Structures are given as structure tokens and as C-alpha cells.
Full PDB file with SEQRES, HELIX, SHEET, SSBOND, CRYST1, ORIGX, SCALE, CONECT and MASTER records, all heavy atoms in Angstrom:
SEQRES   1 A   36  PHE TYR LYS ALA LEU CYS ASP LEU LYS SER SER ALA GLU          
SEQRES   2 A   36  ASN THR PHE MET VAL GLY ASP SER LEU SER SER ASP ILE          
SEQRES   3 A   36  LEU PRO ALA ARG SER LEU GLY MET GLN ALA                      
HELIX    1 AA1 TYR A    2  LEU A    8  1                                   7    
HELIX    2 AA2 ALA A   12  ASN A   14  5                                   3    
HELIX    3 AA3 LEU A   22  ILE A   26  3                                   5    
HELIX    4 AA4 LEU A   27  SER A   31  1                                   5    
CRYST1    1.000    1.000    1.000  90.00  90.00  90.00 P 1           1          
ORIGX1      1.000000  0.000000  0.000000        0.00000                         
ORIGX2      0.000000  1.000000  0.000000        0.00000                         
ORIGX3      0.000000  0.000000  1.000000        0.00000                         
SCALE1      1.000000  0.000000  0.000000        0.00000                         
SCALE2      0.000000  1.000000  0.000000        0.00000                         
SCALE3      0.000000  0.000000  1.000000        0.00000                         
ATOM      1  N   PHE A   1       7.644 -51.404 -18.374  1.00  0.00           N  
ATOM      2  CA  PHE A   1       7.423 -52.367 -17.304  1.00  0.00           C  
ATOM      3  C   PHE A   1       6.546 -51.758 -16.209  1.00  0.00           C  
ATOM      4  O   PHE A   1       5.656 -52.430 -15.669  1.00  0.00           O  
ATOM      5  CB  PHE A   1       8.757 -52.825 -16.715  1.00  0.00           C  
ATOM      6  CG  PHE A   1       9.597 -53.630 -17.663  1.00  0.00           C  
ATOM      7  CD1 PHE A   1      10.546 -53.011 -18.479  1.00  0.00           C  
ATOM      8  CD2 PHE A   1       9.448 -55.003 -17.754  1.00  0.00           C  
ATOM      9  CE1 PHE A   1      11.325 -53.755 -19.351  1.00  0.00           C  
ATOM     10  CE2 PHE A   1      10.228 -55.753 -18.628  1.00  0.00           C  
ATOM     11  CZ  PHE A   1      11.161 -55.129 -19.435  1.00  0.00           C  
ATOM     12  N   TYR A   2       6.798 -50.491 -15.891  1.00  0.00           N  
ATOM     13  CA  TYR A   2       5.966 -49.807 -14.900  1.00  0.00           C  
ATOM     14  C   TYR A   2       4.502 -49.782 -15.342  1.00  0.00           C  
ATOM     15  O   TYR A   2       3.586 -49.980 -14.531  1.00  0.00           O  
ATOM     16  CB  TYR A   2       6.451 -48.365 -14.694  1.00  0.00           C  
ATOM     17  CG  TYR A   2       7.673 -48.216 -13.830  1.00  0.00           C  
ATOM     18  CD1 TYR A   2       8.703 -47.347 -14.203  1.00  0.00           C  
ATOM     19  CD2 TYR A   2       7.811 -48.920 -12.643  1.00  0.00           C  
ATOM     20  CE1 TYR A   2       9.833 -47.196 -13.413  1.00  0.00           C  
ATOM     21  CE2 TYR A   2       8.945 -48.771 -11.845  1.00  0.00           C  
ATOM     22  CZ  TYR A   2       9.947 -47.916 -12.237  1.00  0.00           C  
ATOM     23  OH  TYR A   2      11.063 -47.762 -11.451  1.00  0.00           O  
ATOM     24  N   LYS A   3       4.284 -49.515 -16.617  1.00  0.00           N  
ATOM     25  CA  LYS A   3       2.908 -49.476 -17.116  1.00  0.00           C  
ATOM     26  C   LYS A   3       2.234 -50.837 -16.969  1.00  0.00           C  
ATOM     27  O   LYS A   3       1.068 -50.924 -16.589  1.00  0.00           O  
ATOM     28  CB  LYS A   3       2.858 -49.024 -18.577  1.00  0.00           C  
ATOM     29  CG  LYS A   3       1.439 -49.050 -19.150  1.00  0.00           C  
ATOM     30  CD  LYS A   3       1.291 -48.282 -20.415  1.00  0.00           C  
ATOM     31  CE  LYS A   3      -0.114 -48.421 -20.992  1.00  0.00           C  
ATOM     32  NZ  LYS A   3      -1.183 -48.105 -20.005  1.00  0.00           N  
ATOM     33  N   ALA A   4       2.974 -51.895 -17.279  1.00  0.00           N  
ATOM     34  CA  ALA A   4       2.405 -53.239 -17.136  1.00  0.00           C  
ATOM     35  C   ALA A   4       2.040 -53.525 -15.685  1.00  0.00           C  
ATOM     36  O   ALA A   4       0.960 -54.057 -15.390  1.00  0.00           O  
ATOM     37  CB  ALA A   4       3.392 -54.277 -17.653  1.00  0.00           C  
ATOM     38  N   LEU A   5       2.930 -53.171 -14.769  1.00  0.00           N  
ATOM     39  CA  LEU A   5       2.657 -53.380 -13.349  1.00  0.00           C  
ATOM     40  C   LEU A   5       1.442 -52.579 -12.896  1.00  0.00           C  
ATOM     41  O   LEU A   5       0.594 -53.076 -12.135  1.00  0.00           O  
ATOM     42  CB  LEU A   5       3.879 -52.991 -12.514  1.00  0.00           C  
ATOM     43  CG  LEU A   5       5.124 -53.869 -12.671  1.00  0.00           C  
ATOM     44  CD1 LEU A   5       6.305 -53.245 -11.921  1.00  0.00           C  
ATOM     45  CD2 LEU A   5       4.861 -55.279 -12.181  1.00  0.00           C  
ATOM     46  N   CYS A   6       1.354 -51.353 -13.373  1.00  0.00           N  
ATOM     47  CA  CYS A   6       0.217 -50.498 -13.025  1.00  0.00           C  
ATOM     48  C   CYS A   6      -1.088 -51.078 -13.560  1.00  0.00           C  
ATOM     49  O   CYS A   6      -2.090 -51.158 -12.841  1.00  0.00           O  
ATOM     50  CB  CYS A   6       0.442 -49.090 -13.566  1.00  0.00           C  
ATOM     51  SG  CYS A   6      -0.870 -47.915 -13.159  1.00  0.00           S  
ATOM     52  N   ASP A   7      -1.071 -51.491 -14.817  1.00  0.00           N  
ATOM     53  CA  ASP A   7      -2.280 -52.053 -15.431  1.00  0.00           C  
ATOM     54  C   ASP A   7      -2.729 -53.324 -14.723  1.00  0.00           C  
ATOM     55  O   ASP A   7      -3.932 -53.589 -14.580  1.00  0.00           O  
ATOM     56  CB  ASP A   7      -2.034 -52.362 -16.908  1.00  0.00           C  
ATOM     57  CG  ASP A   7      -1.928 -51.115 -17.763  1.00  0.00           C  
ATOM     58  OD1 ASP A   7      -2.159 -50.008 -17.242  1.00  0.00           O  
ATOM     59  OD2 ASP A   7      -1.589 -51.242 -18.959  1.00  0.00           O  
ATOM     60  N   LEU A   8      -1.757 -54.126 -14.287  1.00  0.00           N  
ATOM     61  CA  LEU A   8      -2.070 -55.398 -13.624  1.00  0.00           C  
ATOM     62  C   LEU A   8      -2.350 -55.224 -12.135  1.00  0.00           C  
ATOM     63  O   LEU A   8      -2.740 -56.182 -11.459  1.00  0.00           O  
ATOM     64  CB  LEU A   8      -0.918 -56.382 -13.812  1.00  0.00           C  
ATOM     65  CG  LEU A   8      -0.676 -56.879 -15.242  1.00  0.00           C  
ATOM     66  CD1 LEU A   8       0.649 -57.637 -15.325  1.00  0.00           C  
ATOM     67  CD2 LEU A   8      -1.826 -57.747 -15.714  1.00  0.00           C  
ATOM     68  N   LYS A   9      -2.103 -54.006 -11.637  1.00  0.00           N  
ATOM     69  CA  LYS A   9      -2.262 -53.721 -10.205  1.00  0.00           C  
ATOM     70  C   LYS A   9      -1.458 -54.714  -9.368  1.00  0.00           C  
ATOM     71  O   LYS A   9      -1.958 -55.300  -8.402  1.00  0.00           O  
ATOM     72  CB  LYS A   9      -3.752 -53.738  -9.812  1.00  0.00           C  
ATOM     73  CG  LYS A   9      -4.579 -52.652 -10.482  1.00  0.00           C  
ATOM     74  CD  LYS A   9      -6.026 -52.725 -10.059  1.00  0.00           C  
ATOM     75  CE  LYS A   9      -6.814 -51.525 -10.587  1.00  0.00           C  
ATOM     76  NZ  LYS A   9      -6.779 -51.401 -12.051  1.00  0.00           N  
ATOM     77  N   SER A  10      -0.211 -54.873  -9.774  1.00  0.00           N  
ATOM     78  CA  SER A  10       0.681 -55.807  -9.096  1.00  0.00           C  
ATOM     79  C   SER A  10       2.002 -55.108  -8.792  1.00  0.00           C  
ATOM     80  O   SER A  10       2.456 -54.254  -9.551  1.00  0.00           O  
ATOM     81  CB  SER A  10       0.927 -57.034  -9.978  1.00  0.00           C  
ATOM     82  OG  SER A  10       1.792 -57.964  -9.336  1.00  0.00           O  
ATOM     83  N   SER A  11       2.622 -55.479  -7.679  1.00  0.00           N  
ATOM     84  CA  SER A  11       3.937 -54.936  -7.351  1.00  0.00           C  
ATOM     85  C   SER A  11       5.004 -55.723  -8.102  1.00  0.00           C  
ATOM     86  O   SER A  11       4.786 -56.862  -8.523  1.00  0.00           O  
ATOM     87  CB  SER A  11       4.184 -55.039  -5.849  1.00  0.00           C  
ATOM     88  OG  SER A  11       4.237 -56.399  -5.448  1.00  0.00           O  
ATOM     89  N   ALA A  12       6.176 -55.119  -8.238  1.00  0.00           N  
ATOM     90  CA  ALA A  12       7.271 -55.794  -8.939  1.00  0.00           C  
ATOM     91  C   ALA A  12       7.640 -57.101  -8.244  1.00  0.00           C  
ATOM     92  O   ALA A  12       7.880 -58.122  -8.887  1.00  0.00           O  
ATOM     93  CB  ALA A  12       8.482 -54.871  -9.022  1.00  0.00           C  
ATOM     94  N   GLU A  13       7.668 -57.083  -6.931  1.00  0.00           N  
ATOM     95  CA  GLU A  13       8.095 -58.277  -6.185  1.00  0.00           C  
ATOM     96  C   GLU A  13       7.108 -59.435  -6.308  1.00  0.00           C  
ATOM     97  O   GLU A  13       7.470 -60.593  -6.062  1.00  0.00           O  
ATOM     98  CB  GLU A  13       8.320 -57.927  -4.719  1.00  0.00           C  
ATOM     99  CG  GLU A  13       7.060 -57.479  -4.006  1.00  0.00           C  
ATOM    100  CD  GLU A  13       7.354 -56.933  -2.616  1.00  0.00           C  
ATOM    101  OE1 GLU A  13       8.468 -56.435  -2.397  1.00  0.00           O  
ATOM    102  OE2 GLU A  13       6.460 -57.016  -1.766  1.00  0.00           O  
ATOM    103  N   ASN A  14       5.884 -59.126  -6.702  1.00  0.00           N  
ATOM    104  CA  ASN A  14       4.868 -60.173  -6.863  1.00  0.00           C  
ATOM    105  C   ASN A  14       4.606 -60.498  -8.329  1.00  0.00           C  
ATOM    106  O   ASN A  14       3.593 -61.131  -8.661  1.00  0.00           O  
ATOM    107  CB  ASN A  14       3.562 -59.751  -6.191  1.00  0.00           C  
ATOM    108  CG  ASN A  14       3.697 -59.596  -4.693  1.00  0.00           C  
ATOM    109  OD1 ASN A  14       3.377 -58.557  -4.142  1.00  0.00           O  
ATOM    110  ND2 ASN A  14       4.203 -60.623  -4.032  1.00  0.00           N  
ATOM    111  N   THR A  15       5.524 -60.076  -9.189  1.00  0.00           N  
ATOM    112  CA  THR A  15       5.339 -60.263 -10.630  1.00  0.00           C  
ATOM    113  C   THR A  15       6.515 -61.022 -11.226  1.00  0.00           C  
ATOM    114  O   THR A  15       7.658 -60.817 -10.834  1.00  0.00           O  
ATOM    115  CB  THR A  15       5.177 -58.900 -11.325  1.00  0.00           C  
ATOM    116  OG1 THR A  15       4.070 -58.206 -10.736  1.00  0.00           O  
ATOM    117  CG2 THR A  15       4.896 -59.079 -12.817  1.00  0.00           C  
ATOM    118  N   PHE A  16       6.203 -61.866 -12.180  1.00  0.00           N  
ATOM    119  CA  PHE A  16       7.181 -62.738 -12.834  1.00  0.00           C  
ATOM    120  C   PHE A  16       7.258 -62.363 -14.305  1.00  0.00           C  
ATOM    121  O   PHE A  16       6.223 -62.190 -14.956  1.00  0.00           O  
ATOM    122  CB  PHE A  16       6.732 -64.191 -12.679  1.00  0.00           C  
ATOM    123  CG  PHE A  16       7.802 -65.211 -12.901  1.00  0.00           C  
ATOM    124  CD1 PHE A  16       8.637 -65.584 -11.864  1.00  0.00           C  
ATOM    125  CD2 PHE A  16       7.973 -65.810 -14.136  1.00  0.00           C  
ATOM    126  CE1 PHE A  16       9.626 -66.545 -12.050  1.00  0.00           C  
ATOM    127  CE2 PHE A  16       8.957 -66.762 -14.337  1.00  0.00           C  
ATOM    128  CZ  PHE A  16       9.787 -67.136 -13.286  1.00  0.00           C  
ATOM    129  N   MET A  17       8.476 -62.222 -14.844  1.00  0.00           N  
ATOM    130  CA  MET A  17       8.678 -61.848 -16.241  1.00  0.00           C  
ATOM    131  C   MET A  17       9.273 -63.018 -17.017  1.00  0.00           C  
ATOM    132  O   MET A  17      10.192 -63.689 -16.549  1.00  0.00           O  
ATOM    133  CB  MET A  17       9.625 -60.639 -16.330  1.00  0.00           C  
ATOM    134  CG  MET A  17       9.989 -60.214 -17.755  1.00  0.00           C  
ATOM    135  SD  MET A  17       8.597 -59.443 -18.604  1.00  0.00           S  
ATOM    136  CE  MET A  17       9.090 -59.643 -20.329  1.00  0.00           C  
ATOM    137  N   VAL A  18       8.739 -63.236 -18.231  1.00  0.00           N  
ATOM    138  CA  VAL A  18       9.243 -64.289 -19.108  1.00  0.00           C  
ATOM    139  C   VAL A  18       9.569 -63.671 -20.467  1.00  0.00           C  
ATOM    140  O   VAL A  18       8.712 -63.030 -21.087  1.00  0.00           O  
ATOM    141  CB  VAL A  18       8.205 -65.412 -19.307  1.00  0.00           C  
ATOM    142  CG1 VAL A  18       8.827 -66.559 -20.108  1.00  0.00           C  
ATOM    143  CG2 VAL A  18       7.676 -65.916 -17.973  1.00  0.00           C  
ATOM    144  N   GLY A  19      10.804 -63.846 -20.926  1.00  0.00           N  
ATOM    145  CA  GLY A  19      11.186 -63.291 -22.224  1.00  0.00           C  
ATOM    146  C   GLY A  19      12.398 -63.995 -22.801  1.00  0.00           C  
ATOM    147  O   GLY A  19      13.065 -64.773 -22.107  1.00  0.00           O  
ATOM    148  N   ASP A  20      12.685 -63.694 -24.067  1.00  0.00           N  
ATOM    149  CA  ASP A  20      13.797 -64.372 -24.735  1.00  0.00           C  
ATOM    150  C   ASP A  20      15.038 -63.500 -24.885  1.00  0.00           C  
ATOM    151  O   ASP A  20      16.014 -63.914 -25.506  1.00  0.00           O  
ATOM    152  CB  ASP A  20      13.359 -64.872 -26.118  1.00  0.00           C  
ATOM    153  CG  ASP A  20      13.188 -63.743 -27.117  1.00  0.00           C  
ATOM    154  OD1 ASP A  20      12.674 -62.665 -26.728  1.00  0.00           O  
ATOM    155  OD2 ASP A  20      13.567 -63.921 -28.291  1.00  0.00           O  
ATOM    156  N   SER A  21      15.002 -62.298 -24.316  1.00  0.00           N  
ATOM    157  CA  SER A  21      16.156 -61.398 -24.409  1.00  0.00           C  
ATOM    158  C   SER A  21      16.645 -61.024 -23.020  1.00  0.00           C  
ATOM    159  O   SER A  21      15.888 -60.472 -22.214  1.00  0.00           O  
ATOM    160  CB  SER A  21      15.778 -60.121 -25.178  1.00  0.00           C  
ATOM    161  OG  SER A  21      16.820 -59.162 -25.096  1.00  0.00           O  
ATOM    162  N   LEU A  22      17.915 -61.329 -22.754  1.00  0.00           N  
ATOM    163  CA  LEU A  22      18.496 -60.988 -21.458  1.00  0.00           C  
ATOM    164  C   LEU A  22      18.516 -59.482 -21.255  1.00  0.00           C  
ATOM    165  O   LEU A  22      18.160 -58.979 -20.191  1.00  0.00           O  
ATOM    166  CB  LEU A  22      19.911 -61.562 -21.370  1.00  0.00           C  
ATOM    167  CG  LEU A  22      20.599 -61.483 -19.996  1.00  0.00           C  
ATOM    168  CD1 LEU A  22      19.842 -62.295 -18.961  1.00  0.00           C  
ATOM    169  CD2 LEU A  22      22.047 -61.958 -20.108  1.00  0.00           C  
ATOM    170  N   SER A  23      18.908 -58.737 -22.299  1.00  0.00           N  
ATOM    171  CA  SER A  23      19.070 -57.288 -22.170  1.00  0.00           C  
ATOM    172  C   SER A  23      17.754 -56.529 -22.192  1.00  0.00           C  
ATOM    173  O   SER A  23      17.618 -55.505 -21.515  1.00  0.00           O  
ATOM    174  CB  SER A  23      19.985 -56.756 -23.275  1.00  0.00           C  
ATOM    175  OG  SER A  23      19.445 -57.038 -24.553  1.00  0.00           O  
ATOM    176  N   SER A  24      16.785 -57.000 -22.953  1.00  0.00           N  
ATOM    177  CA  SER A  24      15.529 -56.263 -23.101  1.00  0.00           C  
ATOM    178  C   SER A  24      14.430 -56.724 -22.153  1.00  0.00           C  
ATOM    179  O   SER A  24      13.537 -55.938 -21.812  1.00  0.00           O  
ATOM    180  CB  SER A  24      15.011 -56.380 -24.537  1.00  0.00           C  
ATOM    181  OG  SER A  24      15.867 -55.725 -25.442  1.00  0.00           O  
ATOM    182  N   ASP A  25      14.472 -57.986 -21.742  1.00  0.00           N  
ATOM    183  CA  ASP A  25      13.400 -58.548 -20.906  1.00  0.00           C  
ATOM    184  C   ASP A  25      13.843 -58.826 -19.470  1.00  0.00           C  
ATOM    185  O   ASP A  25      13.236 -58.332 -18.518  1.00  0.00           O  
ATOM    186  CB  ASP A  25      12.888 -59.861 -21.521  1.00  0.00           C  
ATOM    187  CG  ASP A  25      12.310 -59.686 -22.910  1.00  0.00           C  
ATOM    188  OD1 ASP A  25      11.597 -58.694 -23.129  1.00  0.00           O  
ATOM    189  OD2 ASP A  25      12.575 -60.541 -23.772  1.00  0.00           O  
ATOM    190  N   ILE A  26      14.886 -59.619 -19.340  1.00  0.00           N  
ATOM    191  CA  ILE A  26      15.231 -60.177 -18.034  1.00  0.00           C  
ATOM    192  C   ILE A  26      15.926 -59.164 -17.112  1.00  0.00           C  
ATOM    193  O   ILE A  26      15.491 -58.937 -15.975  1.00  0.00           O  
ATOM    194  CB  ILE A  26      16.121 -61.427 -18.198  1.00  0.00           C  
ATOM    195  CG1 ILE A  26      15.450 -62.424 -19.149  1.00  0.00           C  
ATOM    196  CG2 ILE A  26      16.392 -62.054 -16.840  1.00  0.00           C  
ATOM    197  CD1 ILE A  26      14.034 -62.796 -18.789  1.00  0.00           C  
ATOM    198  N   LEU A  27      16.981 -58.528 -17.597  1.00  0.00           N  
ATOM    199  CA  LEU A  27      17.739 -57.605 -16.743  1.00  0.00           C  
ATOM    200  C   LEU A  27      16.913 -56.394 -16.304  1.00  0.00           C  
ATOM    201  O   LEU A  27      16.947 -56.028 -15.122  1.00  0.00           O  
ATOM    202  CB  LEU A  27      19.024 -57.171 -17.446  1.00  0.00           C  
ATOM    203  CG  LEU A  27      20.053 -58.295 -17.663  1.00  0.00           C  
ATOM    204  CD1 LEU A  27      21.304 -57.751 -18.345  1.00  0.00           C  
ATOM    205  CD2 LEU A  27      20.411 -58.977 -16.352  1.00  0.00           C  
ATOM    206  N   PRO A  28      16.171 -55.735 -17.219  1.00  0.00           N  
ATOM    207  CA  PRO A  28      15.369 -54.602 -16.744  1.00  0.00           C  
ATOM    208  C   PRO A  28      14.275 -55.018 -15.764  1.00  0.00           C  
ATOM    209  O   PRO A  28      13.983 -54.279 -14.816  1.00  0.00           O  
ATOM    210  CB  PRO A  28      14.779 -54.013 -18.033  1.00  0.00           C  
ATOM    211  CG  PRO A  28      14.911 -55.081 -19.057  1.00  0.00           C  
ATOM    212  CD  PRO A  28      16.124 -55.862 -18.683  1.00  0.00           C  
ATOM    213  N   ALA A  29      13.680 -56.195 -15.977  1.00  0.00           N  
ATOM    214  CA  ALA A  29      12.650 -56.670 -15.044  1.00  0.00           C  
ATOM    215  C   ALA A  29      13.259 -56.913 -13.660  1.00  0.00           C  
ATOM    216  O   ALA A  29      12.706 -56.496 -12.634  1.00  0.00           O  
ATOM    217  CB  ALA A  29      12.018 -57.948 -15.584  1.00  0.00           C  
ATOM    218  N   ARG A  30      14.405 -57.562 -13.624  1.00  0.00           N  
ATOM    219  CA  ARG A  30      15.055 -57.838 -12.343  1.00  0.00           C  
ATOM    220  C   ARG A  30      15.521 -56.559 -11.653  1.00  0.00           C  
ATOM    221  O   ARG A  30      15.520 -56.467 -10.430  1.00  0.00           O  
ATOM    222  CB  ARG A  30      16.236 -58.782 -12.553  1.00  0.00           C  
ATOM    223  CG  ARG A  30      15.814 -60.218 -12.867  1.00  0.00           C  
ATOM    224  CD  ARG A  30      17.006 -61.111 -13.128  1.00  0.00           C  
ATOM    225  NE  ARG A  30      16.604 -62.499 -13.359  1.00  0.00           N  
ATOM    226  CZ  ARG A  30      17.399 -63.444 -13.816  1.00  0.00           C  
ATOM    227  NH1 ARG A  30      18.665 -63.157 -14.116  1.00  0.00           N  
ATOM    228  NH2 ARG A  30      16.946 -64.678 -13.993  1.00  0.00           N  
ATOM    229  N   SER A  31      15.903 -55.556 -12.443  1.00  0.00           N  
ATOM    230  CA  SER A  31      16.350 -54.290 -11.848  1.00  0.00           C  
ATOM    231  C   SER A  31      15.221 -53.586 -11.117  1.00  0.00           C  
ATOM    232  O   SER A  31      15.466 -52.755 -10.239  1.00  0.00           O  
ATOM    233  CB  SER A  31      16.934 -53.368 -12.927  1.00  0.00           C  
ATOM    234  OG  SER A  31      15.906 -52.809 -13.742  1.00  0.00           O  
ATOM    235  N   LEU A  32      13.986 -53.920 -11.479  1.00  0.00           N  
ATOM    236  CA  LEU A  32      12.819 -53.331 -10.817  1.00  0.00           C  
ATOM    237  C   LEU A  32      12.363 -54.164  -9.626  1.00  0.00           C  
ATOM    238  O   LEU A  32      11.434 -53.770  -8.919  1.00  0.00           O  
ATOM    239  CB  LEU A  32      11.654 -53.208 -11.814  1.00  0.00           C  
ATOM    240  CG  LEU A  32      11.847 -52.235 -12.968  1.00  0.00           C  
ATOM    241  CD1 LEU A  32      10.653 -52.273 -13.910  1.00  0.00           C  
ATOM    242  CD2 LEU A  32      12.059 -50.825 -12.447  1.00  0.00           C  
ATOM    243  N   GLY A  33      12.992 -55.313  -9.429  1.00  0.00           N  
ATOM    244  CA  GLY A  33      12.599 -56.174  -8.325  1.00  0.00           C  
ATOM    245  C   GLY A  33      11.712 -57.335  -8.724  1.00  0.00           C  
ATOM    246  O   GLY A  33      11.249 -58.095  -7.868  1.00  0.00           O  
ATOM    247  N   MET A  34      11.464 -57.471 -10.021  1.00  0.00           N  
ATOM    248  CA  MET A  34      10.679 -58.596 -10.506  1.00  0.00           C  
ATOM    249  C   MET A  34      11.557 -59.840 -10.569  1.00  0.00           C  
ATOM    250  O   MET A  34      12.775 -59.744 -10.710  1.00  0.00           O  
ATOM    251  CB  MET A  34      10.117 -58.291 -11.896  1.00  0.00           C  
ATOM    252  CG  MET A  34       9.147 -57.133 -11.946  1.00  0.00           C  
ATOM    253  SD  MET A  34       8.795 -56.564 -13.639  1.00  0.00           S  
ATOM    254  CE  MET A  34       8.085 -58.055 -14.338  1.00  0.00           C  
ATOM    255  N   GLN A  35      10.939 -60.989 -10.485  1.00  0.00           N  
ATOM    256  CA  GLN A  35      11.632 -62.233 -10.766  1.00  0.00           C  
ATOM    257  C   GLN A  35      11.420 -62.539 -12.238  1.00  0.00           C  
ATOM    258  O   GLN A  35      10.388 -62.191 -12.806  1.00  0.00           O  
ATOM    259  CB  GLN A  35      11.093 -63.336  -9.870  1.00  0.00           C  
ATOM    260  CG  GLN A  35      11.373 -63.027  -8.394  1.00  0.00           C  
ATOM    261  CD  GLN A  35      10.742 -64.018  -7.462  1.00  0.00           C  
ATOM    262  OE1 GLN A  35      11.235 -65.130  -7.318  1.00  0.00           O  
ATOM    263  NE2 GLN A  35       9.669 -63.622  -6.815  1.00  0.00           N  
ATOM    264  N   ALA A  36      12.403 -63.157 -12.860  1.00  0.00           N  
ATOM    265  CA  ALA A  36      12.334 -63.324 -14.311  1.00  0.00           C  
ATOM    266  C   ALA A  36      13.081 -64.575 -14.740  1.00  0.00           C  
ATOM    267  O   ALA A  36      14.041 -64.996 -14.092  1.00  0.00           O  
ATOM    268  CB  ALA A  36      12.922 -62.092 -15.010  1.00  0.00           C  
TER     269      ALA A  36                                                      
MASTER        0    0    0    4    0    0    0    6  268    1    0    3          
END                                                                             
């Protein structure tokens, strides 16, 4: 997730995550401050 944020030059708080797995996509993204 950090790599994606770095590549996109975006902060976690300004980034939105979309995925089909609560454990692999949503919870780790939210733990970084992303909305998901």
C-alpha cells in the first residue's frame, strides 16, 4: 500500500481503496488512514 501511495504521489488520507476482501484490502488500507 505504501508503494502505491508513493507511486501515485498521494497521501493516505487523500486516497480511496476499493477491494473485495475485508482482511486483505479494506482493513489494512484503513489502518493507514485511507478510506475504503
